[in-house]
Amino acid sequence: MQSDPGPLAQEIHERLEAALTPITLEVVNDSASHAGHSGDDGSGESHFTVIVESAAFAGQGRLQRQRLVNNALGDIPGQRVHALAIKAYAPGEYRGEAS
């Protein structure tokens, strides 16, 4: 996670920690690269990428993993955040790729 996360980034991190007990968790604020584009609400917290590695994803397909993340985040995706890219990995699948 970035060194000085905003309140929404921190909430995303906390919700995913609580729900998925991740081995790896990164919340990347991509909003600056979308400034002035569709969905930019001027808050500086409209576009995110989450990278999460969790045992909760073992044996789950891509769609089910995304559902688990979205369920953990509740009203954040689509209501409080314009765009959320999800990279979800079971233990051993994550190779530390660049976000």
C-alpha atoms as a PDB file:
ATOM      1  CA  MET A   1       0.000   0.000   0.000  1.00  0.00           C
ATOM      2  CA  GLN A   2       1.186   3.546  -0.651  1.00  0.00           C
ATOM      3  CA  SER A   3       2.941   5.293   2.241  1.00  0.00           C
ATOM      4  CA  ASP A   4       0.184   7.877   2.896  1.00  0.00           C
ATOM      5  CA  PRO A   5      -3.133   6.281   1.952  1.00  0.00           C
ATOM      6  CA  GLY A   6      -6.308   8.299   1.867  1.00  0.00           C
ATOM      7  CA  PRO A   7      -9.279   7.355   4.017  1.00  0.00           C
ATOM      8  CA  LEU A   8     -10.956   5.264   1.323  1.00  0.00           C
ATOM      9  CA  ALA A   9      -7.752   3.356   0.528  1.00  0.00           C
ATOM     10  CA  GLN A  10      -7.347   2.672   4.246  1.00  0.00           C
ATOM     11  CA  GLU A  11     -10.944   1.442   4.486  1.00  0.00           C
ATOM     12  CA  ILE A  12     -10.418  -0.881   1.502  1.00  0.00           C
ATOM     13  CA  HIS A  13      -7.302  -2.273   3.179  1.00  0.00           C
ATOM     14  CA  GLU A  14      -9.050  -2.779   6.522  1.00  0.00           C
ATOM     15  CA  ARG A  15     -12.092  -4.502   5.001  1.00  0.00           C
ATOM     16  CA  LEU A  16      -9.959  -6.905   2.951  1.00  0.00           C
ATOM     17  CA  GLU A  17      -7.717  -7.670   5.948  1.00  0.00           C
ATOM     18  CA  ALA A  18     -10.743  -8.484   8.096  1.00  0.00           C
ATOM     19  CA  ALA A  19     -12.568 -10.594   5.521  1.00  0.00           C
ATOM     20  CA  LEU A  20      -9.774 -12.464   3.750  1.00  0.00           C
ATOM     21  CA  THR A  21      -6.815 -12.613   6.176  1.00  0.00           C
ATOM     22  CA  PRO A  22      -4.444 -12.070   3.254  1.00  0.00           C
ATOM     23  CA  ILE A  23      -0.858 -13.212   2.970  1.00  0.00           C
ATOM     24  CA  THR A  24      -0.208 -10.306   0.596  1.00  0.00           C
ATOM     25  CA  LEU A  25      -2.330  -7.183   0.276  1.00  0.00           C
ATOM     26  CA  GLU A  26      -1.627  -4.078  -1.764  1.00  0.00           C
ATOM     27  CA  VAL A  27      -4.105  -1.270  -2.323  1.00  0.00           C
ATOM     28  CA  VAL A  28      -2.860   0.923  -5.159  1.00  0.00           C
ATOM     29  CA  ASN A  29      -4.516   4.279  -5.778  1.00  0.00           C
ATOM     30  CA  ASP A  30      -4.603   4.720  -9.564  1.00  0.00           C
ATOM     31  CA  SER A  31      -6.714   7.881  -9.453  1.00  0.00           C
ATOM     32  CA  ALA A  32      -3.996  10.322 -10.508  1.00  0.00           C
ATOM     33  CA  SER A  33      -3.628   8.591 -13.861  1.00  0.00           C
ATOM     34  CA  HIS A  34      -7.377   8.993 -14.449  1.00  0.00           C
ATOM     35  CA  ALA A  35      -7.696  12.667 -13.460  1.00  0.00           C
ATOM     36  CA  GLY A  36     -10.172  14.421 -15.711  1.00  0.00           C
ATOM     37  CA  HIS A  37     -11.454  11.164 -17.166  1.00  0.00           C
ATOM     38  CA  SER A  38     -14.843   9.547 -16.734  1.00  0.00           C
ATOM     39  CA  GLY A  39     -15.509   8.647 -13.134  1.00  0.00           C
ATOM     40  CA  ASP A  40     -12.992  11.075 -11.667  1.00  0.00           C
ATOM     41  CA  ASP A  41     -14.937  12.708  -8.869  1.00  0.00           C
ATOM     42  CA  GLY A  42     -12.087  14.995  -7.801  1.00  0.00           C
ATOM     43  CA  SER A  43     -11.610  13.164  -4.487  1.00  0.00           C
ATOM     44  CA  GLY A  44      -8.294  11.624  -5.513  1.00  0.00           C
ATOM     45  CA  GLU A  45      -9.750   8.224  -4.569  1.00  0.00           C
ATOM     46  CA  SER A  46     -11.844   7.088  -7.524  1.00  0.00           C
ATOM     47  CA  HIS A  47      -9.723   4.350  -9.158  1.00  0.00           C
ATOM     48  CA  PHE A  48      -7.899   1.507  -7.375  1.00  0.00           C
ATOM     49  CA  THR A  49      -6.099  -1.747  -7.989  1.00  0.00           C
ATOM     50  CA  VAL A  50      -6.054  -4.352  -5.240  1.00  0.00           C
ATOM     51  CA  ILE A  51      -3.583  -7.209  -5.216  1.00  0.00           C
ATOM     52  CA  VAL A  52      -4.556  -9.833  -2.695  1.00  0.00           C
ATOM     53  CA  GLU A  53      -3.200 -13.300  -1.978  1.00  0.00           C
ATOM     54  CA  SER A  54      -5.344 -15.345   0.394  1.00  0.00           C
ATOM     55  CA  ALA A  55      -6.109 -18.933   1.318  1.00  0.00           C
ATOM     56  CA  ALA A  56      -9.768 -17.979   0.786  1.00  0.00           C
ATOM     57  CA  PHE A  57      -9.078 -18.139  -2.970  1.00  0.00           C
ATOM     58  CA  ALA A  58      -7.745 -21.704  -3.007  1.00  0.00           C
ATOM     59  CA  GLY A  59      -9.820 -23.834  -5.355  1.00  0.00           C
ATOM     60  CA  GLN A  60     -11.806 -20.798  -6.535  1.00  0.00           C
ATOM     61  CA  GLY A  61     -12.042 -19.551 -10.116  1.00  0.00           C
ATOM     62  CA  ARG A  62     -11.397 -15.968 -11.164  1.00  0.00           C
ATOM     63  CA  LEU A  63     -15.046 -14.898 -10.978  1.00  0.00           C
ATOM     64  CA  GLN A  64     -15.577 -16.367  -7.505  1.00  0.00           C
ATOM     65  CA  ARG A  65     -12.403 -14.669  -6.254  1.00  0.00           C
ATOM     66  CA  GLN A  66     -13.648 -11.322  -7.548  1.00  0.00           C
ATOM     67  CA  ARG A  67     -16.998 -11.909  -5.867  1.00  0.00           C
ATOM     68  CA  LEU A  68     -15.258 -12.597  -2.547  1.00  0.00           C
ATOM     69  CA  VAL A  69     -13.348  -9.324  -2.832  1.00  0.00           C
ATOM     70  CA  ASN A  70     -16.439  -7.353  -3.861  1.00  0.00           C
ATOM     71  CA  ASN A  71     -18.476  -8.873  -1.025  1.00  0.00           C
ATOM     72  CA  ALA A  72     -15.762  -7.921   1.457  1.00  0.00           C
ATOM     73  CA  LEU A  73     -15.800  -4.343   0.173  1.00  0.00           C
ATOM     74  CA  GLY A  74     -19.581  -3.949   0.389  1.00  0.00           C
ATOM     75  CA  ASP A  75     -20.717  -0.569  -0.948  1.00  0.00           C
ATOM     76  CA  ILE A  76     -17.279   0.590  -2.077  1.00  0.00           C
ATOM     77  CA  PRO A  77     -17.117  -0.861  -5.637  1.00  0.00           C
ATOM     78  CA  GLY A  78     -19.471   0.888  -8.014  1.00  0.00           C
ATOM     79  CA  GLN A  79     -20.858   3.272  -5.425  1.00  0.00           C
ATOM     80  CA  ARG A  80     -17.917   4.949  -3.703  1.00  0.00           C
ATOM     81  CA  VAL A  81     -15.197   3.965  -6.184  1.00  0.00           C
ATOM     82  CA  HIS A  82     -15.580   4.313  -9.941  1.00  0.00           C
ATOM     83  CA  ALA A  83     -13.116   1.586 -10.933  1.00  0.00           C
ATOM     84  CA  LEU A  84     -11.559  -1.317  -9.070  1.00  0.00           C
ATOM     85  CA  ALA A  85      -9.093  -3.720 -10.681  1.00  0.00           C
ATOM     86  CA  ILE A  86      -8.815  -6.965  -8.726  1.00  0.00           C
ATOM     87  CA  LYS A  87      -5.809  -9.270  -8.852  1.00  0.00           C
ATOM     88  CA  ALA A  88      -6.654 -12.187  -6.566  1.00  0.00           C
ATOM     89  CA  TYR A  89      -4.291 -15.093  -5.937  1.00  0.00           C
ATOM     90  CA  ALA A  90      -4.351 -18.321  -3.947  1.00  0.00           C
ATOM     91  CA  PRO A  91      -1.250 -19.036  -1.849  1.00  0.00           C
ATOM     92  CA  GLY A  92       1.757 -19.713  -4.050  1.00  0.00           C
ATOM     93  CA  GLU A  93       0.288 -18.120  -7.185  1.00  0.00           C
ATOM     94  CA  TYR A  94       1.457 -14.551  -6.567  1.00  0.00           C
ATOM     95  CA  ARG A  95       4.906 -13.779  -7.917  1.00  0.00           C
ATOM     96  CA  GLY A  96       5.211 -10.172  -6.779  1.00  0.00           C
ATOM     97  CA  GLU A  97       4.286  -8.779 -10.188  1.00  0.00           C
ATOM     98  CA  ALA A  98       4.319  -5.071 -10.693  1.00  0.00           C
ATOM     99  CA  SER A  99       0.917  -3.462 -10.348  1.00  0.00           C
END
